[in-house]
């Protein structure tokens, strides 16, 4: 990419998909508490109203920014994280993946509110769309 080129929203989603696919591949066959479902979650989010935001994963959760972050070409210093995210872990009774939708910010005060826990990425994405729509 040329030095003066801008990083587009589509570029960011493409990159997030590549990272999710690679992360899931590393987790398959391991005894990790993080299930290999990141690609499934990112695919569901990209096919939803969340596709208008810049995605970001951190450990085992997906969150969104209102613009390109400063570490990307053309990124801004004034971007903000949206107050909601989806976390995922092997929390099902049989060790299966559970997606949790949160309103607020994880690991910050005030504590975030758990909105929904579901084994389905698409259902979690739909719930986060509603959470973020009520924040406007």
N, C-alpha and C. Protein backbone atom coordinates (compact mmCIF):
# COMPACT_ATOMS: atom_id res chain seq x y z
N UNK A 1 0.85 -1.18 0.00
CA UNK A 1 0.00 0.00 0.00
C UNK A 1 0.89 1.24 0.00
N UNK A 2 0.58 2.18 -0.84
CA UNK A 2 1.36 3.42 -0.91
C UNK A 2 1.27 4.16 0.43
N UNK A 3 2.30 4.91 0.73
CA UNK A 3 2.37 5.57 2.02
C UNK A 3 1.21 6.54 2.24
N UNK A 4 0.72 7.19 1.18
CA UNK A 4 -0.36 8.15 1.34
C UNK A 4 -1.74 7.52 1.15
N UNK A 5 -1.79 6.21 0.92
CA UNK A 5 -3.06 5.52 0.73
C UNK A 5 -3.83 5.46 2.04
N UNK A 6 -5.11 5.44 1.91
CA UNK A 6 -5.97 5.36 3.08
C UNK A 6 -6.44 3.93 3.27
N UNK A 7 -6.61 3.55 4.49
CA UNK A 7 -7.11 2.23 4.86
C UNK A 7 -8.63 2.35 4.89
N UNK A 8 -9.30 1.55 4.09
CA UNK A 8 -10.75 1.67 4.00
C UNK A 8 -11.43 0.75 5.01
N UNK A 9 -12.69 0.99 5.19
CA UNK A 9 -13.50 0.13 6.06
C UNK A 9 -13.50 -1.30 5.53
N UNK A 10 -13.61 -1.46 4.21
CA UNK A 10 -13.54 -2.81 3.62
C UNK A 10 -12.19 -3.47 3.89
N UNK A 11 -11.10 -2.69 3.79
CA UNK A 11 -9.77 -3.23 4.10
C UNK A 11 -9.73 -3.75 5.54
N UNK A 12 -10.32 -2.99 6.45
CA UNK A 12 -10.31 -3.38 7.85
C UNK A 12 -11.10 -4.66 8.07
N UNK A 13 -12.27 -4.78 7.44
CA UNK A 13 -13.07 -6.00 7.56
C UNK A 13 -12.32 -7.19 6.95
N UNK A 14 -11.68 -6.98 5.79
CA UNK A 14 -10.91 -8.06 5.17
C UNK A 14 -9.79 -8.52 6.10
N UNK A 15 -9.09 -7.57 6.69
CA UNK A 15 -8.00 -7.89 7.61
C UNK A 15 -8.54 -8.64 8.84
N UNK A 16 -9.66 -8.17 9.35
CA UNK A 16 -10.25 -8.83 10.53
C UNK A 16 -10.62 -10.28 10.21
N UNK A 17 -11.14 -10.51 9.00
CA UNK A 17 -11.48 -11.88 8.58
C UNK A 17 -10.23 -12.75 8.51
N UNK A 18 -9.15 -12.23 7.93
CA UNK A 18 -7.91 -12.99 7.84
C UNK A 18 -7.37 -13.34 9.22
N UNK A 19 -7.40 -12.38 10.10
CA UNK A 19 -6.91 -12.60 11.47
C UNK A 19 -7.78 -13.62 12.21
N UNK A 20 -9.09 -13.51 12.05
CA UNK A 20 -10.00 -14.44 12.71
C UNK A 20 -9.77 -15.87 12.21
N UNK A 21 -9.63 -16.01 10.91
CA UNK A 21 -9.39 -17.34 10.31
C UNK A 21 -8.09 -17.93 10.85
N UNK A 22 -7.04 -17.13 10.90
CA UNK A 22 -5.74 -17.61 11.40
C UNK A 22 -5.81 -17.94 12.88
N UNK A 23 -6.49 -17.12 13.65
CA UNK A 23 -6.62 -17.37 15.08
C UNK A 23 -7.39 -18.66 15.33
N UNK A 24 -8.48 -18.86 14.61
CA UNK A 24 -9.26 -20.10 14.77
C UNK A 24 -8.42 -21.32 14.42
N UNK A 25 -7.62 -21.22 13.35
CA UNK A 25 -6.76 -22.34 12.94
C UNK A 25 -5.78 -22.70 14.06
N UNK A 26 -5.24 -21.71 14.75
CA UNK A 26 -4.33 -21.97 15.85
C UNK A 26 -5.02 -22.64 17.04
N UNK A 27 -6.29 -22.31 17.24
CA UNK A 27 -7.01 -22.85 18.40
C UNK A 27 -7.53 -24.27 18.19
N UNK A 28 -7.75 -24.65 16.94
CA UNK A 28 -8.29 -25.98 16.68
C UNK A 28 -7.32 -27.04 17.19
N UNK A 29 -7.85 -28.00 17.90
CA UNK A 29 -7.03 -29.09 18.42
C UNK A 29 -6.27 -28.75 19.68
N UNK A 30 -6.52 -27.57 20.26
CA UNK A 30 -5.87 -27.20 21.51
C UNK A 30 -6.88 -27.32 22.65
N UNK A 31 -6.39 -27.20 23.84
CA UNK A 31 -7.25 -27.27 25.03
C UNK A 31 -7.54 -25.86 25.56
N UNK A 32 -7.66 -24.91 24.67
CA UNK A 32 -7.88 -23.52 25.06
C UNK A 32 -9.32 -23.29 25.53
N UNK A 33 -9.49 -22.35 26.44
CA UNK A 33 -10.83 -21.93 26.87
C UNK A 33 -11.49 -21.06 25.81
N UNK A 34 -10.72 -20.61 24.83
CA UNK A 34 -11.27 -19.81 23.73
C UNK A 34 -11.60 -20.75 22.58
N UNK A 35 -12.86 -20.80 22.16
CA UNK A 35 -13.24 -21.69 21.06
C UNK A 35 -12.88 -21.08 19.70
N UNK A 36 -12.69 -21.91 18.69
CA UNK A 36 -12.37 -21.40 17.35
C UNK A 36 -13.62 -20.93 16.61
N UNK A 37 -14.21 -19.84 17.09
CA UNK A 37 -15.45 -19.32 16.51
C UNK A 37 -15.34 -17.85 16.09
N UNK A 38 -14.13 -17.33 16.11
CA UNK A 38 -13.95 -15.91 15.78
C UNK A 38 -14.35 -15.61 14.34
N UNK A 39 -13.97 -16.48 13.41
CA UNK A 39 -14.33 -16.26 12.00
C UNK A 39 -15.85 -16.26 11.83
N UNK A 40 -16.52 -17.19 12.47
CA UNK A 40 -17.99 -17.25 12.41
C UNK A 40 -18.60 -15.94 12.91
N UNK A 41 -18.07 -15.42 14.01
CA UNK A 41 -18.58 -14.18 14.59
C UNK A 41 -18.31 -12.98 13.68
N UNK A 42 -17.12 -12.89 13.13
CA UNK A 42 -16.78 -11.77 12.25
C UNK A 42 -17.62 -11.82 10.97
N UNK A 43 -17.83 -13.02 10.43
CA UNK A 43 -18.70 -13.16 9.25
C UNK A 43 -20.11 -12.67 9.54
N UNK A 44 -20.66 -13.07 10.68
CA UNK A 44 -22.01 -12.64 11.06
C UNK A 44 -22.07 -11.13 11.24
N UNK A 45 -21.05 -10.56 11.87
CA UNK A 45 -21.04 -9.11 12.09
C UNK A 45 -20.92 -8.35 10.78
N UNK A 46 -20.09 -8.85 9.87
CA UNK A 46 -19.90 -8.16 8.59
C UNK A 46 -21.18 -8.18 7.75
N UNK A 47 -22.00 -9.19 7.92
CA UNK A 47 -23.26 -9.30 7.17
C UNK A 47 -24.40 -8.54 7.85
N UNK A 48 -24.09 -7.79 8.89
CA UNK A 48 -25.12 -7.08 9.66
C UNK A 48 -24.92 -5.57 9.59
N UNK A 49 -25.73 -4.86 10.33
CA UNK A 49 -25.59 -3.40 10.43
C UNK A 49 -24.27 -3.00 11.10
N UNK A 50 -23.61 -3.94 11.76
CA UNK A 50 -22.32 -3.64 12.39
C UNK A 50 -21.23 -3.37 11.36
N UNK A 51 -21.49 -3.70 10.10
CA UNK A 51 -20.49 -3.51 9.05
C UNK A 51 -20.18 -2.03 8.79
N UNK A 52 -20.97 -1.12 9.36
CA UNK A 52 -20.70 0.31 9.19
C UNK A 52 -19.58 0.80 10.11
N UNK A 53 -19.17 -0.05 11.07
CA UNK A 53 -18.15 0.31 12.05
C UNK A 53 -16.86 -0.44 11.78
N UNK A 54 -15.77 0.06 12.34
CA UNK A 54 -14.46 -0.60 12.23
C UNK A 54 -14.35 -1.68 13.30
N UNK A 55 -14.16 -2.94 12.89
CA UNK A 55 -14.09 -4.04 13.86
C UNK A 55 -12.71 -4.13 14.52
N UNK A 56 -12.71 -4.65 15.73
CA UNK A 56 -11.46 -4.86 16.46
C UNK A 56 -11.67 -6.04 17.40
N UNK A 57 -10.75 -6.98 17.37
CA UNK A 57 -10.82 -8.08 18.33
C UNK A 57 -9.70 -7.92 19.34
N UNK A 58 -9.99 -8.34 20.54
CA UNK A 58 -9.00 -8.32 21.61
C UNK A 58 -9.22 -9.57 22.44
N UNK A 59 -8.25 -10.45 22.43
CA UNK A 59 -8.35 -11.73 23.13
C UNK A 59 -9.58 -12.49 22.66
N UNK A 60 -10.64 -12.46 23.42
CA UNK A 60 -11.83 -13.24 23.06
C UNK A 60 -13.08 -12.36 22.95
N UNK A 61 -12.92 -11.16 22.43
CA UNK A 61 -14.14 -10.38 22.19
C UNK A 61 -13.98 -9.48 20.97
N UNK A 62 -15.13 -9.18 20.39
CA UNK A 62 -15.22 -8.34 19.21
C UNK A 62 -15.90 -7.04 19.60
N UNK A 63 -15.25 -5.95 19.27
CA UNK A 63 -15.82 -4.63 19.56
C UNK A 63 -15.64 -3.75 18.32
N UNK A 64 -16.15 -2.53 18.38
CA UNK A 64 -16.19 -1.69 17.19
C UNK A 64 -15.79 -0.26 17.51
N UNK A 65 -15.19 0.39 16.49
CA UNK A 65 -14.78 1.79 16.60
C UNK A 65 -15.57 2.61 15.59
N UNK A 66 -15.71 3.90 15.87
CA UNK A 66 -16.48 4.77 14.97
C UNK A 66 -15.64 5.36 13.84
N UNK A 67 -14.40 4.95 13.72
CA UNK A 67 -13.54 5.40 12.63
C UNK A 67 -12.26 4.60 12.62
N UNK A 68 -11.40 4.87 11.65
CA UNK A 68 -10.13 4.13 11.60
C UNK A 68 -9.22 4.54 12.76
N UNK A 69 -8.69 3.58 13.48
CA UNK A 69 -7.83 3.91 14.63
C UNK A 69 -6.49 4.49 14.18
N UNK A 70 -5.79 5.16 15.07
CA UNK A 70 -4.57 5.87 14.70
C UNK A 70 -3.44 4.98 14.17
N UNK A 71 -3.48 3.70 14.45
CA UNK A 71 -2.39 2.82 13.98
C UNK A 71 -2.60 2.34 12.54
N UNK A 72 -3.70 2.75 11.89
CA UNK A 72 -3.94 2.42 10.49
C UNK A 72 -3.62 3.63 9.61
N UNK A 73 -3.24 3.39 8.34
CA UNK A 73 -3.03 4.52 7.43
C UNK A 73 -4.30 5.38 7.34
N UNK A 74 -4.17 6.66 7.57
CA UNK A 74 -5.33 7.55 7.54
C UNK A 74 -6.15 7.50 8.81
N UNK A 75 -5.64 6.80 9.82
CA UNK A 75 -6.36 6.69 11.09
C UNK A 75 -6.43 8.01 11.83
N UNK A 76 -7.33 8.07 12.77
CA UNK A 76 -7.56 9.31 13.52
C UNK A 76 -7.27 9.11 15.00
N UNK A 77 -6.95 10.18 15.68
CA UNK A 77 -6.71 10.13 17.12
C UNK A 77 -8.01 10.25 17.92
N UNK A 78 -9.07 10.70 17.28
CA UNK A 78 -10.30 10.98 18.01
C UNK A 78 -11.35 9.87 17.89
N UNK A 79 -10.96 8.68 17.45
CA UNK A 79 -11.94 7.61 17.34
C UNK A 79 -12.32 7.12 18.73
N UNK A 80 -13.50 6.53 18.81
CA UNK A 80 -13.94 5.99 20.09
C UNK A 80 -14.49 4.59 19.88
N UNK A 81 -14.34 3.77 20.92
CA UNK A 81 -14.97 2.46 20.92
C UNK A 81 -16.44 2.63 21.22
N UNK A 82 -17.26 1.85 20.55
CA UNK A 82 -18.69 1.87 20.82
C UNK A 82 -18.96 1.09 22.11
N UNK A 83 -19.96 1.51 22.87
CA UNK A 83 -20.19 0.92 24.20
C UNK A 83 -20.96 -0.41 24.16
N UNK A 84 -20.31 -1.41 23.62
CA UNK A 84 -20.88 -2.74 23.58
C UNK A 84 -19.94 -3.67 22.84
N UNK A 85 -20.02 -4.95 23.14
CA UNK A 85 -19.16 -5.91 22.47
C UNK A 85 -19.75 -7.31 22.61
N UNK A 86 -19.11 -8.27 21.94
CA UNK A 86 -19.48 -9.68 22.05
C UNK A 86 -18.24 -10.44 22.47
N UNK A 87 -18.34 -11.15 23.57
CA UNK A 87 -17.24 -12.02 24.01
C UNK A 87 -17.62 -13.46 23.70
N UNK A 88 -16.61 -14.34 23.68
CA UNK A 88 -16.88 -15.74 23.43
C UNK A 88 -15.90 -16.60 24.21
N UNK A 89 -16.42 -17.72 24.71
CA UNK A 89 -15.61 -18.65 25.49
C UNK A 89 -16.29 -20.01 25.46
N UNK A 90 -15.55 -21.04 25.86
CA UNK A 90 -16.11 -22.39 25.96
C UNK A 90 -16.83 -22.50 27.29
N UNK A 91 -18.03 -21.96 27.35
CA UNK A 91 -18.79 -21.92 28.59
C UNK A 91 -20.05 -22.76 28.55
N UNK A 92 -20.32 -23.44 27.43
CA UNK A 92 -21.48 -24.30 27.36
C UNK A 92 -21.29 -25.51 28.27
N UNK A 93 -22.37 -26.14 28.69
CA UNK A 93 -22.30 -27.30 29.58
C UNK A 93 -21.42 -28.41 29.01
N UNK A 94 -21.38 -28.52 27.70
CA UNK A 94 -20.57 -29.55 27.04
C UNK A 94 -19.24 -29.00 26.52
N UNK A 95 -18.86 -27.81 26.97
CA UNK A 95 -17.62 -27.20 26.51
C UNK A 95 -17.75 -26.47 25.19
N UNK A 96 -18.99 -26.27 24.74
CA UNK A 96 -19.22 -25.57 23.48
C UNK A 96 -19.12 -24.06 23.67
N UNK A 97 -19.08 -23.36 22.55
CA UNK A 97 -18.94 -21.91 22.57
C UNK A 97 -20.22 -21.22 23.03
N UNK A 98 -20.04 -20.18 23.79
CA UNK A 98 -21.13 -19.29 24.19
C UNK A 98 -20.69 -17.87 23.86
N UNK A 99 -21.57 -17.15 23.17
CA UNK A 99 -21.34 -15.74 22.85
C UNK A 99 -22.10 -14.91 23.87
N UNK A 100 -21.43 -13.90 24.42
CA UNK A 100 -22.08 -13.01 25.38
C UNK A 100 -22.08 -11.59 24.82
N UNK A 101 -23.24 -10.97 24.86
CA UNK A 101 -23.39 -9.60 24.38
C UNK A 101 -23.39 -8.69 25.60
N UNK A 102 -22.56 -7.65 25.52
CA UNK A 102 -22.40 -6.72 26.63
C UNK A 102 -22.76 -5.31 26.21
N UNK A 103 -23.42 -4.60 27.10
CA UNK A 103 -23.66 -3.18 26.95
C UNK A 103 -22.68 -2.48 27.88
N UNK A 104 -21.94 -1.53 27.34
CA UNK A 104 -20.89 -0.88 28.14
C UNK A 104 -19.54 -1.39 27.70
N UNK A 105 -18.54 -1.15 28.53
CA UNK A 105 -17.16 -1.50 28.20
C UNK A 105 -16.63 -2.55 29.16
N UNK A 106 -16.10 -3.63 28.62
CA UNK A 106 -15.50 -4.66 29.46
C UNK A 106 -14.27 -4.11 30.16
N UNK A 107 -14.07 -4.55 31.38
CA UNK A 107 -12.89 -4.19 32.18
C UNK A 107 -12.81 -2.70 32.49
N UNK A 108 -13.97 -2.03 32.49
CA UNK A 108 -14.00 -0.61 32.83
C UNK A 108 -15.17 -0.34 33.77
N UNK A 109 -15.08 0.77 34.47
CA UNK A 109 -16.18 1.19 35.34
C UNK A 109 -17.01 2.21 34.59
N UNK A 110 -18.31 2.19 34.73
CA UNK A 110 -19.06 1.19 35.47
C UNK A 110 -19.03 -0.16 34.77
N UNK A 111 -19.30 -1.20 35.53
CA UNK A 111 -19.28 -2.55 34.97
C UNK A 111 -20.26 -2.66 33.81
N UNK A 112 -19.89 -3.40 32.77
CA UNK A 112 -20.81 -3.61 31.65
C UNK A 112 -21.98 -4.48 32.09
N UNK A 113 -23.05 -4.42 31.32
CA UNK A 113 -24.26 -5.19 31.62
C UNK A 113 -24.35 -6.33 30.61
N UNK A 114 -24.53 -7.54 31.11
CA UNK A 114 -24.72 -8.69 30.23
C UNK A 114 -26.14 -8.63 29.67
N UNK A 115 -26.25 -8.58 28.35
CA UNK A 115 -27.54 -8.46 27.68
C UNK A 115 -28.07 -9.83 27.27
N UNK A 116 -27.17 -10.70 26.82
CA UNK A 116 -27.60 -11.99 26.28
C UNK A 116 -26.43 -12.96 26.25
N UNK A 117 -26.72 -14.23 26.49
CA UNK A 117 -25.76 -15.31 26.28
C UNK A 117 -26.43 -16.30 25.34
N UNK A 118 -25.73 -16.70 24.27
CA UNK A 118 -26.31 -17.57 23.26
C UNK A 118 -25.21 -18.40 22.60
N UNK A 119 -25.55 -19.59 22.12
CA UNK A 119 -24.57 -20.37 21.37
C UNK A 119 -24.47 -19.96 19.90
N UNK A 120 -25.29 -19.00 19.47
CA UNK A 120 -25.37 -18.62 18.06
C UNK A 120 -24.79 -17.23 17.80
N UNK A 121 -23.79 -17.18 16.92
CA UNK A 121 -23.14 -15.91 16.59
C UNK A 121 -24.11 -14.90 15.99
N UNK A 122 -24.98 -15.36 15.09
CA UNK A 122 -25.91 -14.45 14.42
C UNK A 122 -26.87 -13.82 15.44
N UNK A 123 -27.32 -14.59 16.39
CA UNK A 123 -28.22 -14.07 17.43
C UNK A 123 -27.49 -13.03 18.29
N UNK A 124 -26.24 -13.31 18.61
CA UNK A 124 -25.44 -12.36 19.38
C UNK A 124 -25.24 -11.06 18.61
N UNK A 125 -24.95 -11.17 17.34
CA UNK A 125 -24.76 -9.98 16.51
C UNK A 125 -26.04 -9.15 16.46
N UNK A 126 -27.18 -9.80 16.25
CA UNK A 126 -28.46 -9.08 16.22
C UNK A 126 -28.70 -8.34 17.53
N UNK A 127 -28.36 -8.96 18.64
CA UNK A 127 -28.54 -8.32 19.95
C UNK A 127 -27.61 -7.12 20.11
N UNK A 128 -26.37 -7.24 19.64
CA UNK A 128 -25.45 -6.11 19.75
C UNK A 128 -25.89 -4.95 18.86
N UNK A 129 -26.43 -5.25 17.70
CA UNK A 129 -26.96 -4.18 16.83
C UNK A 129 -28.01 -3.38 17.61
N UNK A 130 -28.88 -4.08 18.32
CA UNK A 130 -29.93 -3.38 19.12
C UNK A 130 -29.32 -2.57 20.25
N UNK A 131 -28.33 -3.14 20.93
CA UNK A 131 -27.66 -2.42 22.03
C UNK A 131 -27.05 -1.12 21.53
N UNK A 132 -26.34 -1.20 20.42
CA UNK A 132 -25.66 -0.01 19.90
C UNK A 132 -26.64 1.00 19.31
N UNK A 133 -27.78 0.53 18.81
CA UNK A 133 -28.81 1.44 18.26
C UNK A 133 -29.44 2.26 19.38
N UNK A 134 -29.55 1.68 20.58
CA UNK A 134 -30.17 2.41 21.68
C UNK A 134 -29.21 3.39 22.33
N UNK A 135 -27.92 3.30 21.97
CA UNK A 135 -26.91 4.19 22.52
C UNK A 135 -26.87 5.54 21.83
N UNK A 136 -27.48 5.64 20.67
CA UNK A 136 -27.41 6.89 19.88
C UNK A 136 -28.03 8.06 20.57
